[in-house]
Amino acid sequence: MKYRPLGRTGFRVSEIGYGAWGIGGNLWQGGSDDEALRALHRAIELGVNFIDTALVYGNGHSEKLVGKVIRDARHRMYVATKVPPKNRFWPARPGIGIQEVFPFEYIVNCTEESLRN
């Protein structure tokens, strides 16, 4: 696996990351949690140390599966997650202010929920 710096953070992340949308379960059908966990473990065995997920992927299910796997990792892992817009509109609608879509308290609450997951 090749690694590169992530911006100016000093983190060295794998050039190949694991996109965890598909393991959320509600938007992508056909796989099981067991398959998802095996795939995550295998990716980490092969050197992947960067996982992309989101609170909205299965209403936190993807984050929970990622959390189970990274606890067992033998090297530092980096997990990026995303806060969904409060109004759930993708892409953003013209004329709707950022304070309505991503109010401070909402971002804090979503972040805390992601950390619990």
PDB file of N, CA and C in Angstrom:
ATOM      1  N   MET A   1       0.849  -1.173   0.000  1.00  0.00           N
ATOM      2  CA  MET A   1       0.000   0.000   0.000  1.00  0.00           C
ATOM      3  C   MET A   1       0.894   1.235   0.000  1.00  0.00           C
ATOM      4  N   LYS A   2       0.503   2.205  -0.770  1.00  0.00           N
ATOM      5  CA  LYS A   2       1.206   3.481  -0.775  1.00  0.00           C
ATOM      6  C   LYS A   2       0.443   4.462   0.111  1.00  0.00           C
ATOM      7  N   TYR A   3       1.189   5.352   0.750  1.00  0.00           N
ATOM      8  CA  TYR A   3       0.607   6.340   1.651  1.00  0.00           C
ATOM      9  C   TYR A   3       1.048   7.723   1.230  1.00  0.00           C
ATOM     10  N   ARG A   4       0.255   8.712   1.574  1.00  0.00           N
ATOM     11  CA  ARG A   4       0.605  10.096   1.273  1.00  0.00           C
ATOM     12  C   ARG A   4       0.074  10.990   2.378  1.00  0.00           C
ATOM     13  N   PRO A   5       0.667  12.187   2.500  1.00  0.00           N
ATOM     14  CA  PRO A   5       0.177  13.098   3.531  1.00  0.00           C
ATOM     15  C   PRO A   5      -1.223  13.610   3.212  1.00  0.00           C
ATOM     16  N   LEU A   6      -2.025  13.765   4.247  1.00  0.00           N
ATOM     17  CA  LEU A   6      -3.362  14.328   4.092  1.00  0.00           C
ATOM     18  C   LEU A   6      -3.255  15.827   4.367  1.00  0.00           C
ATOM     19  N   GLY A   7      -3.166  16.579   3.290  1.00  0.00           N
ATOM     20  CA  GLY A   7      -3.028  18.029   3.416  1.00  0.00           C
ATOM     21  C   GLY A   7      -1.866  18.397   4.307  1.00  0.00           C
ATOM     22  N   ARG A   8      -2.108  19.319   5.225  1.00  0.00           N
ATOM     23  CA  ARG A   8      -1.063  19.745   6.157  1.00  0.00           C
ATOM     24  C   ARG A   8      -1.244  19.143   7.542  1.00  0.00           C
ATOM     25  N   THR A   9      -2.030  18.073   7.642  1.00  0.00           N
ATOM     26  CA  THR A   9      -2.327  17.475   8.949  1.00  0.00           C
ATOM     27  C   THR A   9      -1.163  16.697   9.535  1.00  0.00           C
ATOM     28  N   GLY A  10      -0.268  16.216   8.665  1.00  0.00           N
ATOM     29  CA  GLY A  10       0.782  15.327   9.129  1.00  0.00           C
ATOM     30  C   GLY A  10       0.346  13.869   9.140  1.00  0.00           C
ATOM     31  N   PHE A  11      -0.929  13.598   8.855  1.00  0.00           N
ATOM     32  CA  PHE A  11      -1.416  12.222   8.796  1.00  0.00           C
ATOM     33  C   PHE A  11      -0.970  11.593   7.479  1.00  0.00           C
ATOM     34  N   ARG A  12      -0.512  10.347   7.546  1.00  0.00           N
ATOM     35  CA  ARG A  12      -0.174   9.607   6.334  1.00  0.00           C
ATOM     36  C   ARG A  12      -1.280   8.593   6.107  1.00  0.00           C
ATOM     37  N   VAL A  13      -2.054   8.835   5.060  1.00  0.00           N
ATOM     38  CA  VAL A  13      -3.206   7.974   4.782  1.00  0.00           C
ATOM     39  C   VAL A  13      -2.956   7.142   3.531  1.00  0.00           C
ATOM     40  N   SER A  14      -3.606   6.008   3.496  1.00  0.00           N
ATOM     41  CA  SER A  14      -3.472   5.116   2.342  1.00  0.00           C
ATOM     42  C   SER A  14      -4.051   5.798   1.103  1.00  0.00           C
ATOM     43  N   GLU A  15      -3.383   5.572  -0.024  1.00  0.00           N
ATOM     44  CA  GLU A  15      -3.871   6.150  -1.283  1.00  0.00           C
ATOM     45  C   GLU A  15      -5.209   5.548  -1.680  1.00  0.00           C
ATOM     46  N   ILE A  16      -5.479   4.357  -1.198  1.00  0.00           N
ATOM     47  CA  ILE A  16      -6.774   3.720  -1.425  1.00  0.00           C
ATOM     48  C   ILE A  16      -7.523   3.743  -0.097  1.00  0.00           C
ATOM     49  N   GLY A  17      -8.702   4.315  -0.107  1.00  0.00           N
ATOM     50  CA  GLY A  17      -9.526   4.349   1.087  1.00  0.00           C
ATOM     51  C   GLY A  17     -10.694   3.390   0.938  1.00  0.00           C
ATOM     52  N   TYR A  18     -11.382   3.175   2.030  1.00  0.00           N
ATOM     53  CA  TYR A  18     -12.554   2.305   2.026  1.00  0.00           C
ATOM     54  C   TYR A  18     -13.790   3.186   2.106  1.00  0.00           C
ATOM     55  N   GLY A  19     -14.578   3.194   1.058  1.00  0.00           N
ATOM     56  CA  GLY A  19     -15.835   3.941   1.049  1.00  0.00           C
ATOM     57  C   GLY A  19     -16.935   3.080   1.644  1.00  0.00           C
ATOM     58  N   ALA A  20     -17.500   3.522   2.771  1.00  0.00           N
ATOM     59  CA  ALA A  20     -18.406   2.675   3.542  1.00  0.00           C
ATOM     60  C   ALA A  20     -19.888   2.954   3.303  1.00  0.00           C
ATOM     61  N   TRP A  21     -20.218   3.615   2.206  1.00  0.00           N
ATOM     62  CA  TRP A  21     -21.628   3.856   1.908  1.00  0.00           C
ATOM     63  C   TRP A  21     -22.380   2.533   1.758  1.00  0.00           C
ATOM     64  N   GLY A  22     -21.802   1.620   1.028  1.00  0.00           N
ATOM     65  CA  GLY A  22     -22.464   0.363   0.710  1.00  0.00           C
ATOM     66  C   GLY A  22     -22.753  -0.527   1.905  1.00  0.00           C
ATOM     67  N   ILE A  23     -22.080  -0.311   3.034  1.00  0.00           N
ATOM     68  CA  ILE A  23     -22.334  -1.177   4.185  1.00  0.00           C
ATOM     69  C   ILE A  23     -23.372  -0.572   5.132  1.00  0.00           C
ATOM     70  N   GLY A  24     -23.949   0.570   4.745  1.00  0.00           N
ATOM     71  CA  GLY A  24     -24.984   1.188   5.567  1.00  0.00           C
ATOM     72  C   GLY A  24     -26.251   0.366   5.622  1.00  0.00           C
ATOM     73  N   GLY A  25     -26.527  -0.347   4.531  1.00  0.00           N
ATOM     74  CA  GLY A  25     -27.632  -1.290   4.535  1.00  0.00           C
ATOM     75  C   GLY A  25     -28.947  -0.816   3.958  1.00  0.00           C
ATOM     76  N   ASN A  26     -29.287   0.460   4.065  1.00  0.00           N
ATOM     77  CA  ASN A  26     -30.617   0.842   3.609  1.00  0.00           C
ATOM     78  C   ASN A  26     -30.644   1.363   2.182  1.00  0.00           C
ATOM     79  N   LEU A  27     -29.540   1.816   1.650  1.00  0.00           N
ATOM     80  CA  LEU A  27     -29.513   2.324   0.278  1.00  0.00           C
ATOM     81  C   LEU A  27     -28.861   1.332  -0.687  1.00  0.00           C
ATOM     82  N   TRP A  28     -28.131   0.412  -0.163  1.00  0.00           N
ATOM     83  CA  TRP A  28     -27.387  -0.543  -0.980  1.00  0.00           C
ATOM     84  C   TRP A  28     -27.741  -1.927  -0.467  1.00  0.00           C
ATOM     85  N   GLN A  29     -28.467  -2.684  -1.224  1.00  0.00           N
ATOM     86  CA  GLN A  29     -28.971  -3.972  -0.769  1.00  0.00           C
ATOM     87  C   GLN A  29     -28.121  -5.115  -1.312  1.00  0.00           C
ATOM     88  N   GLY A  30     -28.188  -6.243  -0.636  1.00  0.00           N
ATOM     89  CA  GLY A  30     -27.551  -7.443  -1.152  1.00  0.00           C
ATOM     90  C   GLY A  30     -26.444  -7.987  -0.281  1.00  0.00           C
ATOM     91  N   GLY A  31     -25.790  -7.133   0.504  1.00  0.00           N
ATOM     92  CA  GLY A  31     -24.709  -7.605   1.360  1.00  0.00           C
ATOM     93  C   GLY A  31     -25.191  -7.768   2.787  1.00  0.00           C
ATOM     94  N   SER A  32     -24.417  -8.506   3.550  1.00  0.00           N
ATOM     95  CA  SER A  32     -24.748  -8.701   4.962  1.00  0.00           C
ATOM     96  C   SER A  32     -23.703  -7.996   5.822  1.00  0.00           C
ATOM     97  N   ASP A  33     -24.012  -7.839   7.099  1.00  0.00           N
ATOM     98  CA  ASP A  33     -23.046  -7.252   8.014  1.00  0.00           C
ATOM     99  C   ASP A  33     -21.793  -8.114   8.105  1.00  0.00           C
ATOM    100  N   ASP A  34     -21.949  -9.427   8.095  1.00  0.00           N
ATOM    101  CA  ASP A  34     -20.787 -10.316   8.151  1.00  0.00           C
ATOM    102  C   ASP A  34     -19.865 -10.088   6.958  1.00  0.00           C
ATOM    103  N   GLU A  35     -20.447  -9.948   5.765  1.00  0.00           N
ATOM    104  CA  GLU A  35     -19.640  -9.670   4.571  1.00  0.00           C
ATOM    105  C   GLU A  35     -18.944  -8.319   4.689  1.00  0.00           C
ATOM    106  N   ALA A  36     -19.666  -7.335   5.194  1.00  0.00           N
ATOM    107  CA  ALA A  36     -19.095  -6.000   5.356  1.00  0.00           C
ATOM    108  C   ALA A  36     -17.921  -6.033   6.331  1.00  0.00           C
ATOM    109  N   LEU A  37     -18.079  -6.733   7.440  1.00  0.00           N
ATOM    110  CA  LEU A  37     -17.006  -6.813   8.428  1.00  0.00           C
ATOM    111  C   LEU A  37     -15.793  -7.545   7.868  1.00  0.00           C
ATOM    112  N   ARG A  38     -16.031  -8.603   7.109  1.00  0.00           N
ATOM    113  CA  ARG A  38     -14.910  -9.323   6.473  1.00  0.00           C
ATOM    114  C   ARG A  38     -14.180  -8.420   5.481  1.00  0.00           C
ATOM    115  N   ALA A  39     -14.947  -7.659   4.700  1.00  0.00           N
ATOM    116  CA  ALA A  39     -14.334  -6.757   3.713  1.00  0.00           C
ATOM    117  C   ALA A  39     -13.526  -5.662   4.404  1.00  0.00           C
ATOM    118  N   LEU A  40     -14.055  -5.101   5.463  1.00  0.00           N
ATOM    119  CA  LEU A  40     -13.319  -4.075   6.210  1.00  0.00           C
ATOM    120  C   LEU A  40     -12.032  -4.642   6.797  1.00  0.00           C
ATOM    121  N   HIS A  41     -12.131  -5.805   7.431  1.00  0.00           N
ATOM    122  CA  HIS A  41     -10.926  -6.442   7.989  1.00  0.00           C
ATOM    123  C   HIS A  41      -9.885  -6.704   6.901  1.00  0.00           C
ATOM    124  N   ARG A  42     -10.331  -7.179   5.767  1.00  0.00           N
ATOM    125  CA  ARG A  42      -9.401  -7.484   4.663  1.00  0.00           C
ATOM    126  C   ARG A  42      -8.742  -6.215   4.142  1.00  0.00           C
ATOM    127  N   ALA A  43      -9.508  -5.152   3.997  1.00  0.00           N
ATOM    128  CA  ALA A  43      -8.939  -3.886   3.539  1.00  0.00           C
ATOM    129  C   ALA A  43      -7.854  -3.412   4.502  1.00  0.00           C
ATOM    130  N   ILE A  44      -8.111  -3.528   5.796  1.00  0.00           N
ATOM    131  CA  ILE A  44      -7.125  -3.109   6.797  1.00  0.00           C
ATOM    132  C   ILE A  44      -5.898  -4.013   6.744  1.00  0.00           C
ATOM    133  N   GLU A  45      -6.106  -5.324   6.580  1.00  0.00           N
ATOM    134  CA  GLU A  45      -4.974  -6.257   6.429  1.00  0.00           C
ATOM    135  C   GLU A  45      -4.082  -5.850   5.265  1.00  0.00           C
ATOM    136  N   LEU A  46      -4.702  -5.345   4.198  1.00  0.00           N
ATOM    137  CA  LEU A  46      -3.952  -4.953   3.001  1.00  0.00           C
ATOM    138  C   LEU A  46      -3.351  -3.555   3.106  1.00  0.00           C
ATOM    139  N   GLY A  47      -3.548  -2.882   4.242  1.00  0.00           N
ATOM    140  CA  GLY A  47      -2.903  -1.603   4.472  1.00  0.00           C
ATOM    141  C   GLY A  47      -3.781  -0.375   4.409  1.00  0.00           C
ATOM    142  N   VAL A  48      -5.069  -0.538   4.120  1.00  0.00           N
ATOM    143  CA  VAL A  48      -5.962   0.616   4.109  1.00  0.00           C
ATOM    144  C   VAL A  48      -6.034   1.169   5.532  1.00  0.00           C
ATOM    145  N   ASN A  49      -5.824   2.476   5.677  1.00  0.00           N
ATOM    146  CA  ASN A  49      -5.944   3.095   6.999  1.00  0.00           C
ATOM    147  C   ASN A  49      -6.875   4.303   6.972  1.00  0.00           C
ATOM    148  N   PHE A  50      -7.576   4.497   5.847  1.00  0.00           N
ATOM    149  CA  PHE A  50      -8.496   5.621   5.704  1.00  0.00           C
ATOM    150  C   PHE A  50      -9.869   5.088   5.304  1.00  0.00           C
ATOM    151  N   ILE A  51     -10.879   5.399   6.115  1.00  0.00           N
ATOM    152  CA  ILE A  51     -12.239   4.949   5.853  1.00  0.00           C
ATOM    153  C   ILE A  51     -13.153   6.167   5.791  1.00  0.00           C
ATOM    154  N   ASP A  52     -13.969   6.220   4.758  1.00  0.00           N
ATOM    155  CA  ASP A  52     -14.942   7.290   4.568  1.00  0.00           C
ATOM    156  C   ASP A  52     -16.331   6.747   4.848  1.00  0.00           C
ATOM    157  N   THR A  53     -17.045   7.407   5.737  1.00  0.00           N
ATOM    158  CA  THR A  53     -18.410   7.000   6.073  1.00  0.00           C
ATOM    159  C   THR A  53     -19.248   8.249   6.296  1.00  0.00           C
ATOM    160  N   ALA A  54     -20.468   8.081   6.752  1.00  0.00           N
ATOM    161  CA  ALA A  54     -21.335   9.224   7.046  1.00  0.00           C
ATOM    162  C   ALA A  54     -22.446   8.788   7.985  1.00  0.00           C
ATOM    163  N   LEU A  55     -22.903   9.725   8.780  1.00  0.00           N
ATOM    164  CA  LEU A  55     -23.998   9.462   9.706  1.00  0.00           C
ATOM    165  C   LEU A  55     -25.249   8.983   8.970  1.00  0.00           C
ATOM    166  N   VAL A  56     -25.460   9.475   7.770  1.00  0.00           N
ATOM    167  CA  VAL A  56     -26.670   9.141   7.027  1.00  0.00           C
ATOM    168  C   VAL A  56     -26.599   7.752   6.370  1.00  0.00           C
ATOM    169  N   TYR A  57     -25.425   7.148   6.295  1.00  0.00           N
ATOM    170  CA  TYR A  57     -25.320   5.819   5.687  1.00  0.00           C
ATOM    171  C   TYR A  57     -25.957   4.797   6.630  1.00  0.00           C
ATOM    172  N   GLY A  58     -27.187   4.444   6.351  1.00  0.00           N
ATOM    173  CA  GLY A  58     -27.912   3.497   7.192  1.00  0.00           C
ATOM    174  C   GLY A  58     -28.264   4.076   8.546  1.00  0.00           C
ATOM    175  N   ASN A  59     -28.413   5.403   8.602  1.00  0.00           N
ATOM    176  CA  ASN A  59     -28.714   6.068   9.882  1.00  0.00           C
ATOM    177  C   ASN A  59     -27.720   5.673  10.966  1.00  0.00           C
ATOM    178  N   GLY A  60     -26.446   5.675  10.613  1.00  0.00           N
ATOM    179  CA  GLY A  60     -25.380   5.373  11.564  1.00  0.00           C
ATOM    180  C   GLY A  60     -24.891   3.936  11.520  1.00  0.00           C
ATOM    181  N   HIS A  61     -25.571   3.069  10.779  1.00  0.00           N
ATOM    182  CA  HIS A  61     -25.182   1.655  10.745  1.00  0.00           C
ATOM    183  C   HIS A  61     -23.769   1.473  10.189  1.00  0.00           C
ATOM    184  N   SER A  62     -23.440   2.176   9.134  1.00  0.00           N
ATOM    185  CA  SER A  62     -22.103   2.093   8.561  1.00  0.00           C
ATOM    186  C   SER A  62     -21.055   2.499   9.590  1.00  0.00           C
ATOM    187  N   GLU A  63     -21.299   3.599  10.301  1.00  0.00           N
ATOM    188  CA  GLU A  63     -20.350   4.055  11.317  1.00  0.00           C
ATOM    189  C   GLU A  63     -20.172   3.007  12.418  1.00  0.00           C
ATOM    190  N   LYS A  64     -21.255   2.349  12.796  1.00  0.00           N
ATOM    191  CA  LYS A  64     -21.174   1.329  13.847  1.00  0.00           C
ATOM    192  C   LYS A  64     -20.324   0.143  13.401  1.00  0.00           C
ATOM    193  N   LEU A  65     -20.490  -0.287  12.158  1.00  0.00           N
ATOM    194  CA  LEU A  65     -19.666  -1.385  11.642  1.00  0.00           C
ATOM    195  C   LEU A  65     -18.199  -0.975  11.571  1.00  0.00           C
ATOM    196  N   VAL A  66     -17.950   0.231  11.095  1.00  0.00           N
ATOM    197  CA  VAL A  66     -16.571   0.735  11.043  1.00  0.00           C
ATOM    198  C   VAL A  66     -15.986   0.769  12.452  1.00  0.00           C
ATOM    199  N   GLY A  67     -16.764   1.239  13.410  1.00  0.00           N
ATOM    200  CA  GLY A  67     -16.297   1.300  14.789  1.00  0.00           C
ATOM    201  C   GLY A  67     -15.901  -0.055  15.340  1.00  0.00           C
ATOM    202  N   LYS A  68     -16.675  -1.093  15.021  1.00  0.00           N
ATOM    203  CA  LYS A  68     -16.345  -2.447  15.479  1.00  0.00           C
ATOM    204  C   LYS A  68     -14.983  -2.886  14.957  1.00  0.00           C
ATOM    205  N   VAL A  69     -14.711  -2.575  13.708  1.00  0.00           N
ATOM    206  CA  VAL A  69     -13.504  -3.071  13.058  1.00  0.00           C
ATOM    207  C   VAL A  69     -12.266  -2.277  13.473  1.00  0.00           C
ATOM    208  N   ILE A  70     -12.382  -0.981  13.576  1.00  0.00           N
ATOM    209  CA  ILE A  70     -11.166  -0.194  13.852  1.00  0.00           C
ATOM    210  C   ILE A  70     -10.665  -0.395  15.283  1.00  0.00           C
ATOM    211  N   ARG A  71     -11.532  -0.846  16.171  1.00  0.00           N
ATOM    212  CA  ARG A  71     -11.067  -1.154  17.539  1.00  0.00           C
ATOM    213  C   ARG A  71     -10.002  -2.245  17.519  1.00  0.00           C
ATOM    214  N   ASP A  72     -10.070  -3.153  16.547  1.00  0.00           N
ATOM    215  CA  ASP A  72      -9.144  -4.279  16.463  1.00  0.00           C
ATOM    216  C   ASP A  72      -7.931  -3.993  15.582  1.00  0.00           C
ATOM    217  N   ALA A  73      -7.894  -2.842  14.943  1.00  0.00           N
ATOM    218  CA  ALA A  73      -6.800  -2.543  14.009  1.00  0.00           C
ATOM    219  C   ALA A  73      -5.471  -2.479  14.748  1.00  0.00           C
ATOM    220  N   ARG A  74      -4.438  -2.928  14.078  1.00  0.00           N
ATOM    221  CA  ARG A  74      -3.100  -2.956  14.681  1.00  0.00           C
ATOM    222  C   ARG A  74      -2.282  -1.726  14.344  1.00  0.00           C
ATOM    223  N   HIS A  75      -2.843  -0.843  13.560  1.00  0.00           N
ATOM    224  CA  HIS A  75      -2.156   0.405  13.245  1.00  0.00           C
ATOM    225  C   HIS A  75      -3.165   1.544  13.278  1.00  0.00           C
ATOM    226  N   ARG A  76      -2.658   2.760  13.254  1.00  0.00           N
ATOM    227  CA  ARG A  76      -3.517   3.945  13.339  1.00  0.00           C
ATOM    228  C   ARG A  76      -4.472   3.985  12.157  1.00  0.00           C
ATOM    229  N   MET A  77      -5.728   4.259  12.480  1.00  0.00           N
ATOM    230  CA  MET A  77      -6.758   4.365  11.458  1.00  0.00           C
ATOM    231  C   MET A  77      -7.287   5.795  11.427  1.00  0.00           C
ATOM    232  N   TYR A  78      -7.726   6.217  10.256  1.00  0.00           N
ATOM    233  CA  TYR A  78      -8.317   7.539  10.070  1.00  0.00           C
ATOM    234  C   TYR A  78      -9.711   7.333   9.494  1.00  0.00           C
ATOM    235  N   VAL A  79     -10.696   7.899  10.162  1.00  0.00           N
ATOM    236  CA  VAL A  79     -12.080   7.771   9.731  1.00  0.00           C
ATOM    237  C   VAL A  79     -12.624   9.164   9.469  1.00  0.00           C
ATOM    238  N   ALA A  80     -13.117   9.362   8.268  1.00  0.00           N
ATOM    239  CA  ALA A  80     -13.787  10.617   7.913  1.00  0.00           C
ATOM    240  C   ALA A  80     -15.276  10.324   7.849  1.00  0.00           C
ATOM    241  N   THR A  81     -16.045  11.132   8.542  1.00  0.00           N
ATOM    242  CA  THR A  81     -17.493  10.994   8.469  1.00  0.00           C
ATOM    243  C   THR A  81     -18.082  12.348   8.115  1.00  0.00           C
ATOM    244  N   LYS A  82     -19.338  12.336   7.744  1.00  0.00           N
ATOM    245  CA  LYS A  82     -19.950  13.564   7.264  1.00  0.00           C
ATOM    246  C   LYS A  82     -21.266  13.820   7.993  1.00  0.00           C
ATOM    247  N   VAL A  83     -21.564  15.100   8.156  1.00  0.00           N
ATOM    248  CA  VAL A  83     -22.826  15.541   8.760  1.00  0.00           C
ATOM    249  C   VAL A  83     -23.820  15.762   7.623  1.00  0.00           C
ATOM    250  N   PRO A  84     -24.987  15.119   7.682  1.00  0.00           N
ATOM    251  CA  PRO A  84     -25.975  15.348   6.624  1.00  0.00           C
ATOM    252  C   PRO A  84     -26.640  16.709   6.810  1.00  0.00           C
ATOM    253  N   PRO A  85     -27.092  17.328   5.734  1.00  0.00           N
ATOM    254  CA  PRO A  85     -27.819  18.585   5.887  1.00  0.00           C
ATOM    255  C   PRO A  85     -29.080  18.361   6.726  1.00  0.00           C
ATOM    256  N   LYS A  86     -29.375  19.314   7.593  1.00  0.00           N
ATOM    257  CA  LYS A  86     -30.520  19.177   8.495  1.00  0.00           C
ATOM    258  C   LYS A  86     -31.827  19.002   7.726  1.00  0.00           C
ATOM    259  N   ASN A  87     -31.956  19.674   6.582  1.00  0.00           N
ATOM    260  CA  ASN A  87     -33.186  19.571   5.796  1.00  0.00           C
ATOM    261  C   ASN A  87     -33.176  18.368   4.850  1.00  0.00           C
ATOM    262  N   ARG A  88     -32.083  17.618   4.826  1.00  0.00           N
ATOM    263  CA  ARG A  88     -31.929  16.391   4.028  1.00  0.00           C
ATOM    264  C   ARG A  88     -32.043  16.611   2.518  1.00  0.00           C
ATOM    265  N   PHE A  89     -31.787  17.817   2.049  1.00  0.00           N
ATOM    266  CA  PHE A  89     -31.807  18.091   0.610  1.00  0.00           C
ATOM    267  C   PHE A  89     -30.392  18.036   0.046  1.00  0.00           C
ATOM    268  N   TRP A  90     -30.206  17.165  -0.956  1.00  0.00           N
ATOM    269  CA  TRP A  90     -28.949  17.076  -1.689  1.00  0.00           C
ATOM    270  C   TRP A  90     -29.286  17.244  -3.154  1.00  0.00           C
ATOM    271  N   PRO A  91     -28.639  18.077  -3.887  1.00  0.00           N
ATOM    272  CA  PRO A  91     -27.725  19.123  -3.411  1.00  0.00           C
ATOM    273  C   PRO A  91     -28.493  20.249  -2.717  1.00  0.00           C
ATOM    274  N   ALA A  92     -27.742  21.196  -2.161  1.00  0.00           N
ATOM    275  CA  ALA A  92     -28.349  22.319  -1.439  1.00  0.00           C
ATOM    276  C   ALA A  92     -29.277  23.102  -2.361  1.00  0.00           C
ATOM    277  N   ARG A  93     -30.337  23.628  -1.802  1.00  0.00           N
ATOM    278  CA  ARG A  93     -31.311  24.407  -2.567  1.00  0.00           C
ATOM    279  C   ARG A  93     -30.935  25.889  -2.529  1.00  0.00           C
ATOM    280  N   PRO A  94     -31.058  26.567  -3.659  1.00  0.00           N
ATOM    281  CA  PRO A  94     -30.770  28.006  -3.681  1.00  0.00           C
ATOM    282  C   PRO A  94     -31.682  28.762  -2.716  1.00  0.00           C
ATOM    283  N   GLY A  95     -31.122  29.769  -2.080  1.00  0.00           N
ATOM    284  CA  GLY A  95     -31.909  30.626  -1.207  1.00  0.00           C
ATOM    285  C   GLY A  95     -32.086  30.126   0.219  1.00  0.00           C
ATOM    286  N   ILE A  96     -31.609  28.930   0.513  1.00  0.00           N
ATOM    287  CA  ILE A  96     -31.691  28.411   1.881  1.00  0.00           C
ATOM    288  C   ILE A  96     -30.331  28.649   2.529  1.00  0.00           C
ATOM    289  N   GLY A  97     -30.321  29.426   3.598  1.00  0.00           N
ATOM    290  CA  GLY A  97     -29.075  29.812   4.251  1.00  0.00           C
ATOM    291  C   GLY A  97     -28.389  28.676   4.982  1.00  0.00           C
ATOM    292  N   ILE A  98     -27.076  28.790   5.089  1.00  0.00           N
ATOM    293  CA  ILE A  98     -26.268  27.778   5.758  1.00  0.00           C
ATOM    294  C   ILE A  98     -26.710  27.566   7.200  1.00  0.00           C
ATOM    295  N   GLN A  99     -27.174  28.634   7.857  1.00  0.00           N
ATOM    296  CA  GLN A  99     -27.601  28.532   9.251  1.00  0.00           C
ATOM    297  C   GLN A  99     -28.841  27.655   9.397  1.00  0.00           C
ATOM    298  N   GLU A 100     -29.604  27.481   8.335  1.00  0.00           N
ATOM    299  CA  GLU A 100     -30.760  26.591   8.380  1.00  0.00           C
ATOM    300  C   GLU A 100     -30.370  25.142   8.090  1.00  0.00           C
ATOM    301  N   VAL A 101     -29.360  24.965   7.272  1.00  0.00           N
ATOM    302  CA  VAL A 101     -28.963  23.626   6.844  1.00  0.00           C
ATOM    303  C   VAL A 101     -27.940  23.009   7.793  1.00  0.00           C
ATOM    304  N   PHE A 102     -27.015  23.808   8.281  1.00  0.00           N
ATOM    305  CA  PHE A 102     -25.972  23.330   9.187  1.00  0.00           C
ATOM    306  C   PHE A 102     -25.835  24.243  10.399  1.00  0.00           C
ATOM    307  N   PRO A 103     -26.879  24.359  11.215  1.00  0.00           N
ATOM    308  CA  PRO A 103     -26.747  25.182  12.420  1.00  0.00           C
ATOM    309  C   PRO A 103     -25.735  24.551  13.390  1.00  0.00           C
ATOM    310  N   PHE A 104     -25.068  25.399  14.141  1.00  0.00           N
ATOM    311  CA  PHE A 104     -23.982  24.964  15.028  1.00  0.00           C
ATOM    312  C   PHE A 104     -24.397  23.803  15.931  1.00  0.00           C
ATOM    313  N   GLU A 105     -25.491  23.943  16.657  1.00  0.00           N
ATOM    314  CA  GLU A 105     -25.905  22.905  17.604  1.00  0.00           C
ATOM    315  C   GLU A 105     -26.197  21.582  16.891  1.00  0.00           C
ATOM    316  N   TYR A 106     -26.756  21.646  15.685  1.00  0.00           N
ATOM    317  CA  TYR A 106     -27.033  20.445  14.895  1.00  0.00           C
ATOM    318  C   TYR A 106     -25.729  19.726  14.537  1.00  0.00           C
ATOM    319  N   ILE A 107     -24.727  20.488  14.122  1.00  0.00           N
ATOM    320  CA  ILE A 107     -23.427  19.890  13.785  1.00  0.00           C
ATOM    321  C   ILE A 107     -22.820  19.216  15.010  1.00  0.00           C
ATOM    322  N   VAL A 108     -22.876  19.876  16.154  1.00  0.00           N
ATOM    323  CA  VAL A 108     -22.343  19.299  17.386  1.00  0.00           C
ATOM    324  C   VAL A 108     -23.083  18.006  17.727  1.00  0.00           C
ATOM    325  N   ASN A 109     -24.412  18.019  17.652  1.00  0.00           N
ATOM    326  CA  ASN A 109     -25.202  16.824  17.968  1.00  0.00           C
ATOM    327  C   ASN A 109     -24.881  15.670  17.026  1.00  0.00           C
ATOM    328  N   CYS A 110     -24.781  15.956  15.737  1.00  0.00           N
ATOM    329  CA  CYS A 110     -24.447  14.915  14.757  1.00  0.00           C
ATOM    330  C   CYS A 110     -23.048  14.358  15.020  1.00  0.00           C
ATOM    331  N   THR A 111     -22.112  15.236  15.319  1.00  0.00           N
ATOM    332  CA  THR A 111     -20.742  14.790  15.593  1.00  0.00           C
ATOM    333  C   THR A 111     -20.700  13.877  16.822  1.00  0.00           C
ATOM    334  N   GLU A 112     -21.420  14.262  17.856  1.00  0.00           N
ATOM    335  CA  GLU A 112     -21.465  13.418  19.056  1.00  0.00           C
ATOM    336  C   GLU A 112     -22.099  12.061  18.767  1.00  0.00           C
ATOM    337  N   GLU A 113     -23.140  12.050  17.938  1.00  0.00           N
ATOM    338  CA  GLU A 113     -23.763  10.775  17.563  1.00  0.00           C
ATOM    339  C   GLU A 113     -22.792   9.916  16.759  1.00  0.00           C
ATOM    340  N   SER A 114     -22.066  10.526  15.838  1.00  0.00           N
ATOM    341  CA  SER A 114     -21.073   9.784  15.059  1.00  0.00           C
ATOM    342  C   SER A 114     -20.002   9.203  15.965  1.00  0.00           C
ATOM    343  N   LEU A 115     -19.545   9.956  16.947  1.00  0.00           N
ATOM    344  CA  LEU A 115     -18.535   9.442  17.882  1.00  0.00           C
ATOM    345  C   LEU A 115     -19.070   8.269  18.697  1.00  0.00           C
ATOM    346  N   ARG A 116     -20.328   8.336  19.101  1.00  0.00           N
ATOM    347  CA  ARG A 116     -20.929   7.203  19.818  1.00  0.00           C
ATOM    348  C   ARG A 116     -20.984   5.959  18.921  1.00  0.00           C
ATOM    349  N   ASN A 117     -21.303   6.175  17.641  1.00  0.00           N
ATOM    350  CA  ASN A 117     -21.364   5.051  16.696  1.00  0.00           C
ATOM    351  C   ASN A 117     -19.993   4.410  16.562  1.00  0.00           C
TER     352      ASN A 117
END
